[in-house]
């Protein structure tokens, strides 16, 4: 029962974080839109039936049943169609409210519907409050507001967790002194009586000793300090034992160990197996302790996280293919691969139920999940595809370039870019997004990621 409550608590924690992230994303659009005078009739978190709503001023704020997104409605999102002078109405066609020919085709109706969206909220007093009437730079600020809000929120969460909670890192405290040194750990051989004692045992190192320095160089991380060791050469260790600082001399021996990069991560071969290299070793295992990061370090890690998310999105077709194959064949999924909201909730619930970490680690992990989700929302929404925010931003860039070219050629201002004409493409993108979401949700239900 307790485990179930922890699991549900983890899901609720992330669900609230997702709702807040979506709500702030939409506020990133809402605030500048109102500031620039655009009429915004609706602001909503979620989709489906309305759970709660209230009206303040000219905007109705609502909370929907399905917290998988959000939206605001702005009047005049797309400009009216241009009417060519002298154009004639062809047989089988009629005129729309702008006096343009209305085609009976599916896509033509879609374009017309996009132009007329939210027209029921337009009054005679609103004729100069249309979104498309704003200068390009103001429109781009409105559309950038949502993704930038997610970027700022994700960064704030990451910095708060890394600086406030800290992260589990290898410390300078000895957790275990090995009785011997196995020459190749990949053999998984245990120590036997005939094995000579490890250099650590010979030197007198003990559990809970803290190595403060090696050969006068202060301990920061073992990966860098281990470079100061040489096989057969005596190393001088400054060791804190209790409250006493003592000097211990130790002579490393050679052994095959997994190779690590400058960040302490394992280097893998083409078969995803650790690369083994001969290194000088002492026969000690360091403990893991939670350490706070610096603000600069946390900001750097936030930037790295955004880059990793962007890289994953760029390889999304391959990611989805891998997910589909793993689901059909029941193979284990890549824990760093694409995942849906359902999968995120499952991971959060699983972390909440584990006994291997304390409550602070569970909260920190939940917050990091929400922070990473905000980075994903930022990167995904910046894709230059409608109906994503990046599609509208790309439209603004195109309009600016087109107007610049017209000005250089001394031609009349062409007016706002008519992105409503891209609605057929938008429809296909929307279908693709729904298919992607369905695939990931099914995969997370049938073949969830194991952590």
Protein backbone atom coordinates (compact mmCIF):
# COMPACT_ATOMS: atom_id res chain seq x y z
CA UNK A 1 0.00 0.00 0.00
CA UNK A 2 2.78 2.41 0.97
CA UNK A 3 4.67 1.60 -2.24
CA UNK A 4 1.54 2.30 -4.29
CA UNK A 5 1.10 5.66 -2.58
CA UNK A 6 4.72 6.58 -3.30
CA UNK A 7 4.23 5.55 -6.94
CA UNK A 8 1.08 7.66 -7.28
CA UNK A 9 2.81 10.51 -5.47
CA UNK A 10 5.65 10.46 -8.00
CA UNK A 11 3.15 10.58 -10.87
CA UNK A 12 1.17 13.43 -9.28
CA UNK A 13 4.39 15.36 -8.61
CA UNK A 14 5.43 15.24 -12.25
CA UNK A 15 1.85 15.84 -13.46
CA UNK A 16 1.71 19.06 -11.45
CA UNK A 17 5.12 20.03 -12.81
CA UNK A 18 3.95 19.41 -16.37
CA UNK A 19 0.79 21.47 -15.82
CA UNK A 20 2.82 24.35 -14.37
CA UNK A 21 5.29 24.15 -17.26
CA UNK A 22 2.50 24.26 -19.83
CA UNK A 23 0.74 27.06 -17.98
CA UNK A 24 3.89 29.18 -17.89
CA UNK A 25 4.53 28.42 -21.57
CA UNK A 26 1.15 29.88 -22.45
CA UNK A 27 1.72 32.86 -20.14
CA UNK A 28 4.89 33.46 -22.17
CA UNK A 29 2.57 34.01 -25.16
CA UNK A 30 -0.29 35.66 -23.25
CA UNK A 31 1.60 38.44 -21.48
CA UNK A 32 3.34 40.00 -24.51
CA UNK A 33 0.22 39.56 -26.66
CA UNK A 34 -1.84 41.56 -24.15
CA UNK A 35 1.01 44.04 -23.73
CA UNK A 36 1.00 44.69 -27.48
CA UNK A 37 -2.79 45.18 -27.52
CA UNK A 38 -3.89 41.88 -29.13
CA UNK A 39 -7.25 40.60 -27.91
CA UNK A 40 -6.87 37.20 -26.21
CA UNK A 41 -10.31 35.66 -25.55
CA UNK A 42 -9.08 32.34 -24.07
CA UNK A 43 -6.24 30.90 -22.03
CA UNK A 44 -6.38 27.16 -21.28
CA UNK A 45 -4.25 24.48 -19.68
CA UNK A 46 -5.08 21.06 -21.09
CA UNK A 47 -7.71 19.85 -23.54
CA UNK A 48 -11.14 18.26 -23.37
CA UNK A 49 -13.94 18.99 -20.87
CA UNK A 50 -13.49 22.05 -18.67
CA UNK A 51 -12.88 21.36 -14.98
CA UNK A 52 -12.73 24.98 -13.83
CA UNK A 53 -12.83 28.40 -15.44
CA UNK A 54 -13.17 32.07 -14.64
CA UNK A 55 -13.20 35.29 -16.64
CA UNK A 56 -11.06 38.30 -15.92
CA UNK A 57 -11.38 41.25 -18.24
CA UNK A 58 -11.80 39.99 -21.80
CA UNK A 59 -10.02 36.65 -21.22
CA UNK A 60 -11.53 33.39 -19.95
CA UNK A 61 -9.03 31.23 -18.06
CA UNK A 62 -9.78 27.50 -17.89
CA UNK A 63 -8.35 24.19 -16.68
CA UNK A 64 -9.17 21.19 -18.87
CA UNK A 65 -9.41 17.48 -18.05
CA UNK A 66 -6.51 16.20 -20.20
CA UNK A 67 -3.26 17.96 -19.16
CA UNK A 68 -1.36 17.19 -22.38
CA UNK A 69 -0.97 20.72 -23.66
CA UNK A 70 -2.44 24.18 -23.55
CA UNK A 71 -3.30 27.12 -25.74
CA UNK A 72 -4.32 30.75 -25.98
CA UNK A 73 -6.59 32.17 -28.67
CA UNK A 74 -5.63 35.45 -30.34
CA UNK A 75 -7.92 37.16 -32.81
CA UNK A 76 -6.58 37.72 -36.33
CA UNK A 77 -3.90 35.04 -36.17
CA UNK A 78 -3.80 34.96 -40.00
CA UNK A 79 -4.30 37.90 -42.40
CA UNK A 80 -7.34 38.00 -44.69
CA UNK A 81 -6.87 36.69 -48.23
CA UNK A 82 -5.71 39.21 -50.80
CA UNK A 83 -8.28 40.05 -53.47
CA UNK A 84 -6.84 40.55 -56.93
CA UNK A 85 -8.30 43.50 -58.78
CA UNK A 86 -10.52 42.37 -61.65
CA UNK A 87 -10.76 38.76 -60.46
CA UNK A 88 -13.87 36.85 -61.49
CA UNK A 89 -15.86 34.25 -59.67
CA UNK A 90 -15.54 30.89 -61.39
CA UNK A 91 -18.47 28.52 -61.85
CA UNK A 92 -19.10 26.30 -58.85
CA UNK A 93 -17.45 28.75 -56.42
CA UNK A 94 -18.85 31.39 -54.08
CA UNK A 95 -17.44 34.37 -52.21
CA UNK A 96 -16.36 34.33 -48.58
CA UNK A 97 -16.83 37.22 -46.14
CA UNK A 98 -13.76 38.97 -47.58
CA UNK A 99 -15.13 38.84 -51.10
CA UNK A 100 -12.72 36.09 -52.16
CA UNK A 101 -13.61 32.97 -54.10
CA UNK A 102 -14.45 30.10 -51.79
CA UNK A 103 -13.31 26.72 -53.07
CA UNK A 104 -15.22 23.60 -52.10
CA UNK A 105 -12.00 21.59 -51.61
CA UNK A 106 -10.96 20.26 -48.21
CA UNK A 107 -7.74 22.26 -48.00
CA UNK A 108 -9.34 25.48 -49.25
CA UNK A 109 -11.97 25.17 -46.53
CA UNK A 110 -9.18 24.53 -44.03
CA UNK A 111 -7.41 27.74 -45.06
CA UNK A 112 -10.67 29.69 -44.84
CA UNK A 113 -11.41 28.24 -41.40
CA UNK A 114 -7.95 29.27 -40.19
CA UNK A 115 -8.56 32.85 -41.34
CA UNK A 116 -11.97 32.98 -39.67
CA UNK A 117 -10.90 31.25 -36.44
CA UNK A 118 -12.10 33.04 -33.31
CA UNK A 119 -14.01 35.57 -35.42
CA UNK A 120 -16.90 35.21 -32.98
CA UNK A 121 -14.81 37.13 -30.45
CA UNK A 122 -14.21 40.07 -32.80
CA UNK A 123 -16.22 43.25 -32.26
CA UNK A 124 -16.13 46.51 -34.26
CA UNK A 125 -13.83 47.91 -31.55
CA UNK A 126 -11.29 45.16 -32.21
CA UNK A 127 -10.56 45.92 -35.86
CA UNK A 128 -7.04 47.19 -35.01
CA UNK A 129 -6.27 44.52 -32.41
CA UNK A 130 -5.47 41.63 -34.75
CA UNK A 131 -2.32 39.61 -34.23
CA UNK A 132 -1.27 39.83 -37.90
CA UNK A 133 -1.39 43.65 -37.67
CA UNK A 134 1.52 43.73 -35.21
CA UNK A 135 4.99 44.56 -36.51
CA UNK A 136 7.02 41.44 -37.23
CA UNK A 137 9.31 41.91 -34.22
CA UNK A 138 6.34 42.06 -31.86
CA UNK A 139 4.78 38.95 -33.38
CA UNK A 140 8.06 37.10 -32.98
CA UNK A 141 8.30 38.17 -29.32
CA UNK A 142 4.80 36.77 -28.72
CA UNK A 143 5.67 33.44 -30.35
CA UNK A 144 9.11 33.22 -28.73
CA UNK A 145 7.63 33.95 -25.31
CA UNK A 146 6.35 30.41 -24.77
CA UNK A 147 9.54 28.46 -25.63
CA UNK A 148 11.73 30.99 -23.82
CA UNK A 149 9.58 30.59 -20.71
CA UNK A 150 10.29 26.84 -20.81
CA UNK A 151 14.00 27.47 -21.32
CA UNK A 152 14.14 29.83 -18.34
CA UNK A 153 12.04 27.53 -16.15
CA UNK A 154 14.14 24.48 -17.04
CA UNK A 155 17.35 26.39 -16.33
CA UNK A 156 16.01 27.71 -13.01
CA UNK A 157 15.03 24.19 -11.92
CA UNK A 158 18.38 22.70 -12.97
CA UNK A 159 20.35 25.40 -11.16
CA UNK A 160 18.18 25.09 -8.04
CA UNK A 161 18.67 21.31 -7.92
CA UNK A 162 22.39 21.25 -8.76
CA UNK A 163 23.26 24.11 -6.40
CA UNK A 164 20.62 23.52 -3.70
CA UNK A 165 20.39 19.72 -3.50
CA UNK A 166 23.66 18.90 -5.21
CA UNK A 167 24.35 15.71 -7.11
CA UNK A 168 25.84 12.39 -6.12
CA UNK A 169 29.49 12.49 -7.09
CA UNK A 170 32.56 10.44 -6.34
CA UNK A 171 34.07 11.84 -3.15
CA UNK A 172 37.53 11.62 -1.64
CA UNK A 173 36.32 9.32 1.15
CA UNK A 174 37.42 5.68 0.92
CA UNK A 175 34.39 3.39 1.04
CA UNK A 176 36.31 0.12 0.75
CA UNK A 177 39.91 -1.07 0.84
CA UNK A 178 40.40 -4.11 -1.39
CA UNK A 179 42.48 -6.93 0.15
CA UNK A 180 44.19 -7.49 -3.23
CA UNK A 181 44.27 -6.07 -6.75
CA UNK A 182 42.70 -8.24 -9.44
CA UNK A 183 44.72 -7.66 -12.61
CA UNK A 184 41.62 -7.63 -14.87
CA UNK A 185 38.27 -6.72 -13.30
CA UNK A 186 36.47 -7.90 -16.45
CA UNK A 187 37.31 -11.48 -15.39
CA UNK A 188 35.19 -10.92 -12.25
CA UNK A 189 37.73 -12.99 -10.27
CA UNK A 190 37.68 -12.64 -6.48
CA UNK A 191 40.73 -12.34 -4.25
CA UNK A 192 42.31 -15.58 -3.04
CA UNK A 193 44.79 -16.18 -0.21
CA UNK A 194 47.73 -16.50 -2.61
CA UNK A 195 47.17 -12.98 -3.99
CA UNK A 196 49.57 -10.34 -2.63
CA UNK A 197 47.94 -7.57 -0.57
CA UNK A 198 46.86 -4.44 -2.39
CA UNK A 199 49.07 -1.31 -2.21
CA UNK A 200 46.36 0.34 -0.07
CA UNK A 201 46.52 -2.48 2.51
CA UNK A 202 50.33 -2.42 2.51
CA UNK A 203 50.39 1.37 2.99
CA UNK A 204 47.86 1.21 5.83
CA UNK A 205 44.94 3.05 4.20
CA UNK A 206 41.63 2.48 5.99
CA UNK A 207 37.93 2.75 5.30
CA UNK A 208 36.58 6.32 5.85
CA UNK A 209 40.00 7.88 5.23
CA UNK A 210 39.79 10.97 3.05
CA UNK A 211 42.54 11.56 0.48
CA UNK A 212 43.14 15.32 0.55
CA UNK A 213 46.05 15.47 -1.90
CA UNK A 214 48.44 13.36 -3.98
CA UNK A 215 52.04 14.56 -4.35
CA UNK A 216 50.92 17.97 -3.11
CA UNK A 217 48.09 18.36 -5.64
CA UNK A 218 44.70 18.94 -3.97
CA UNK A 219 42.06 16.30 -4.57
CA UNK A 220 39.26 17.48 -6.87
CA UNK A 221 38.32 14.26 -8.64
CA UNK A 222 40.04 10.91 -8.82
CA UNK A 223 39.98 10.77 -12.61
CA UNK A 224 42.40 13.69 -12.88
CA UNK A 225 44.54 12.87 -9.84
CA UNK A 226 45.04 9.27 -10.91
CA UNK A 227 47.15 10.68 -13.76
CA UNK A 228 49.74 11.59 -11.12
CA UNK A 229 50.26 7.94 -10.23
CA UNK A 230 52.91 5.78 -11.89
CA UNK A 231 53.36 2.04 -11.60
CA UNK A 232 56.23 1.25 -9.21
CA UNK A 233 56.73 4.91 -8.20
CA UNK A 234 56.01 6.00 -4.63
CA UNK A 235 53.10 8.47 -4.30
CA UNK A 236 52.77 10.73 -1.25
CA UNK A 237 49.18 10.94 0.00
CA UNK A 238 47.82 13.54 2.42
CA UNK A 239 45.10 11.64 4.28
CA UNK A 240 42.50 12.97 6.70
CA UNK A 241 41.75 10.29 9.31
CA UNK A 242 39.13 11.57 11.70
CA UNK A 243 40.42 15.04 12.51
CA UNK A 244 44.10 14.20 12.00
CA UNK A 245 45.95 14.88 8.74
CA UNK A 246 48.62 12.24 8.12
CA UNK A 247 51.07 11.46 5.31
CA UNK A 248 51.02 7.99 3.75
CA UNK A 249 53.31 6.62 1.04
CA UNK A 250 51.89 4.10 -1.41
CA UNK A 251 53.29 2.33 -4.49
CA UNK A 252 50.68 1.65 -7.24
CA UNK A 253 50.60 -1.57 -9.26
CA UNK A 254 49.41 -2.11 -12.84
CA UNK A 255 45.96 -3.53 -13.62
CA UNK A 256 43.40 -3.44 -16.42
CA UNK A 257 40.58 -1.05 -15.67
CA UNK A 258 37.76 0.56 -17.67
CA UNK A 259 38.82 3.70 -19.52
CA UNK A 260 37.03 6.94 -18.68
CA UNK A 261 36.87 10.29 -20.48
CA UNK A 262 37.64 13.72 -19.04
CA UNK A 263 34.14 13.86 -17.52
CA UNK A 264 34.54 10.53 -15.76
CA UNK A 265 32.20 8.70 -18.16
CA UNK A 266 33.00 5.19 -19.39
CA UNK A 267 34.49 4.94 -22.89
CA UNK A 268 32.69 2.21 -24.85
CA UNK A 269 33.79 0.21 -27.88
CA UNK A 270 31.76 -0.57 -31.01
CA UNK A 271 29.95 -3.35 -29.10
CA UNK A 272 28.99 -0.96 -26.27
CA UNK A 273 31.47 -2.66 -23.95
CA UNK A 274 33.90 -0.70 -21.71
CA UNK A 275 37.34 -0.15 -23.21
CA UNK A 276 39.94 -1.70 -20.87
CA UNK A 277 43.36 -0.05 -20.41
CA UNK A 278 46.28 -0.70 -18.08
CA UNK A 279 46.35 1.80 -15.24
CA UNK A 280 48.16 2.27 -11.93
CA UNK A 281 45.79 1.29 -9.09
CA UNK A 282 45.88 1.33 -5.30
CA UNK A 283 43.07 -1.07 -4.43
CA UNK A 284 40.54 1.41 -3.04
CA UNK A 285 36.94 2.24 -3.88
CA UNK A 286 35.70 5.77 -3.28
CA UNK A 287 32.36 6.60 -1.74
CA UNK A 288 29.63 8.64 -3.44
CA UNK A 289 28.41 11.80 -1.69
CA UNK A 290 26.00 14.57 -2.58
CA UNK A 291 27.90 17.73 -3.44
CA UNK A 292 26.48 21.12 -4.45
CA UNK A 293 27.58 22.52 -7.79
CA UNK A 294 28.49 26.13 -8.51
CA UNK A 295 26.01 28.41 -10.30
CA UNK A 296 28.38 28.62 -13.28
CA UNK A 297 28.77 24.85 -13.35
CA UNK A 298 25.00 24.38 -13.12
CA UNK A 299 24.43 26.81 -16.00
CA UNK A 300 26.98 24.93 -18.09
CA UNK A 301 25.26 21.63 -17.36
CA UNK A 302 21.91 23.22 -18.30
CA UNK A 303 23.36 24.25 -21.65
CA UNK A 304 24.69 20.73 -22.18
CA UNK A 305 21.24 19.31 -21.39
CA UNK A 306 19.59 21.60 -23.95
CA UNK A 307 22.17 20.52 -26.55
CA UNK A 308 21.51 16.83 -25.81
CA UNK A 309 17.75 17.35 -26.13
CA UNK A 310 18.25 19.18 -29.42
CA UNK A 311 20.46 16.36 -30.68
CA UNK A 312 17.80 13.81 -29.74
CA UNK A 313 15.09 15.78 -31.56
CA UNK A 314 17.28 15.97 -34.67
CA UNK A 315 17.51 12.17 -34.63
CA UNK A 316 13.82 11.71 -33.78
CA UNK A 317 12.97 9.58 -36.87
CA UNK A 318 15.65 7.06 -35.87
CA UNK A 319 14.53 7.25 -32.24
CA UNK A 320 10.93 6.45 -33.21
CA UNK A 321 12.09 3.59 -35.44
CA UNK A 322 14.08 2.11 -32.56
CA UNK A 323 11.08 2.44 -30.23
CA UNK A 324 8.79 0.72 -32.76
CA UNK A 325 11.24 -2.15 -33.29
CA UNK A 326 11.81 -2.62 -29.55
CA UNK A 327 8.06 -2.64 -28.92
CA UNK A 328 7.27 -5.16 -31.64
CA UNK A 329 10.17 -7.46 -30.73
CA UNK A 330 9.88 -6.94 -26.93
CA UNK A 331 13.53 -5.88 -26.78
CA UNK A 332 14.71 -3.60 -23.95
CA UNK A 333 14.31 0.07 -24.87
CA UNK A 334 17.07 2.66 -24.80
CA UNK A 335 16.74 4.41 -21.39
CA UNK A 336 17.95 7.64 -23.04
CA UNK A 337 15.54 7.36 -25.98
CA UNK A 338 12.26 9.08 -26.79
CA UNK A 339 9.46 8.77 -24.25
CA UNK A 340 5.88 10.04 -23.90
CA UNK A 341 4.16 11.81 -21.01
CA UNK A 342 2.99 8.36 -19.87
CA UNK A 343 6.57 7.11 -19.82
CA UNK A 344 7.74 10.17 -17.87
CA UNK A 345 5.02 9.49 -15.28
CA UNK A 346 6.09 5.84 -15.04
CA UNK A 347 9.74 6.79 -14.50
CA UNK A 348 8.79 9.31 -11.83
CA UNK A 349 6.60 6.77 -10.04
CA UNK A 350 9.37 4.13 -10.16
CA UNK A 351 11.94 6.56 -8.73
CA UNK A 352 9.54 7.49 -5.95
CA UNK A 353 9.13 3.86 -4.84
CA UNK A 354 12.82 2.90 -4.77
CA UNK A 355 14.47 2.37 -1.39
CA UNK A 356 17.97 2.99 -2.76
CA UNK A 357 17.73 6.79 -2.47
CA UNK A 358 16.44 9.11 0.24
CA UNK A 359 13.55 11.58 0.01
CA UNK A 360 15.85 14.46 -1.00
CA UNK A 361 17.18 12.44 -3.94
CA UNK A 362 13.63 11.54 -4.99
CA UNK A 363 12.56 15.18 -4.97
CA UNK A 364 15.72 16.24 -6.80
CA UNK A 365 15.20 13.54 -9.45
CA UNK A 366 11.56 14.58 -9.93
CA UNK A 367 12.60 18.20 -10.36
CA UNK A 368 15.32 17.23 -12.85
CA UNK A 369 12.72 15.29 -14.85
CA UNK A 370 10.54 18.42 -14.98
CA UNK A 371 13.56 20.56 -15.89
CA UNK A 372 14.50 18.22 -18.73
CA UNK A 373 10.90 18.22 -19.93
CA UNK A 374 10.99 22.02 -20.14
CA UNK A 375 14.16 21.84 -22.23
CA UNK A 376 12.37 19.37 -24.51
CA UNK A 377 9.36 21.72 -24.80
CA UNK A 378 11.70 24.58 -25.71
CA UNK A 379 13.66 22.65 -28.32
CA UNK A 380 10.63 20.94 -29.85
CA UNK A 381 8.58 24.13 -30.13
CA UNK A 382 11.46 25.88 -31.87
CA UNK A 383 11.25 23.52 -34.84
CA UNK A 384 10.33 25.65 -37.91
CA UNK A 385 7.08 23.79 -38.55
CA UNK A 386 3.50 24.93 -38.16
CA UNK A 387 1.56 24.61 -35.89
CA UNK A 388 4.62 24.80 -33.59
CA UNK A 389 5.83 28.19 -32.36
CA UNK A 390 8.94 27.83 -34.49
CA UNK A 391 6.75 27.69 -37.60
CA UNK A 392 5.29 31.12 -36.83
CA UNK A 393 8.77 32.44 -36.03
CA UNK A 394 10.03 31.12 -39.38
CA UNK A 395 7.08 32.89 -41.04
CA UNK A 396 8.17 36.15 -39.41
CA UNK A 397 11.74 35.69 -40.64
CA UNK A 398 10.47 34.99 -44.16
CA UNK A 399 8.24 38.08 -44.05
CA UNK A 400 11.12 40.28 -42.89
CA UNK A 401 13.37 38.99 -45.68
CA UNK A 402 10.64 39.41 -48.29
CA UNK A 403 9.86 42.96 -47.23
CA UNK A 404 13.57 43.78 -47.28
CA UNK A 405 13.91 42.49 -50.84
CA UNK A 406 10.80 44.40 -51.96
CA UNK A 407 12.18 47.58 -50.40
CA UNK A 408 15.54 47.17 -52.13
CA UNK A 409 13.74 46.67 -55.45
CA UNK A 410 11.53 49.70 -54.67
CA UNK A 411 8.38 47.66 -54.93
CA UNK A 412 5.25 48.21 -52.78
CA UNK A 413 5.18 46.60 -49.32
CA UNK A 414 3.88 43.02 -49.83
CA UNK A 415 2.15 43.04 -46.42
CA UNK A 416 2.12 40.24 -43.83
CA UNK A 417 3.23 36.75 -44.85
CA UNK A 418 0.10 34.69 -45.54
CA UNK A 419 0.98 31.64 -43.45
CA UNK A 420 -2.65 30.50 -43.65
CA UNK A 421 -1.74 29.11 -47.07
CA UNK A 422 0.48 26.60 -45.23
CA UNK A 423 -2.51 25.03 -43.44
CA UNK A 424 -2.42 21.88 -45.64
CA UNK A 425 1.20 21.30 -44.54
CA UNK A 426 0.20 22.14 -40.97
CA UNK A 427 -2.48 19.47 -41.16
CA UNK A 428 0.06 16.83 -42.18
CA UNK A 429 2.46 17.93 -39.41
CA UNK A 430 -0.37 17.70 -36.88
CA UNK A 431 -1.23 14.17 -38.03
CA UNK A 432 2.46 13.20 -37.78
CA UNK A 433 2.66 14.60 -34.23
CA UNK A 434 -0.45 12.66 -33.20
CA UNK A 435 0.96 9.47 -34.73
CA UNK A 436 4.26 10.00 -32.91
CA UNK A 437 2.47 10.56 -29.60
CA UNK A 438 0.33 7.45 -30.12
CA UNK A 439 3.41 5.31 -30.90
CA UNK A 440 5.28 6.49 -27.80
CA UNK A 441 2.26 6.09 -25.50
CA UNK A 442 1.62 2.55 -26.77
CA UNK A 443 5.31 1.71 -26.37
CA UNK A 444 5.35 3.08 -22.82
CA UNK A 445 2.31 0.98 -21.92
CA UNK A 446 3.41 -2.23 -23.66
CA UNK A 447 7.20 -2.05 -23.33
CA UNK A 448 8.13 0.60 -20.74
CA UNK A 449 11.68 1.77 -20.17
CA UNK A 450 13.46 -0.10 -17.37
CA UNK A 451 15.50 1.99 -14.94
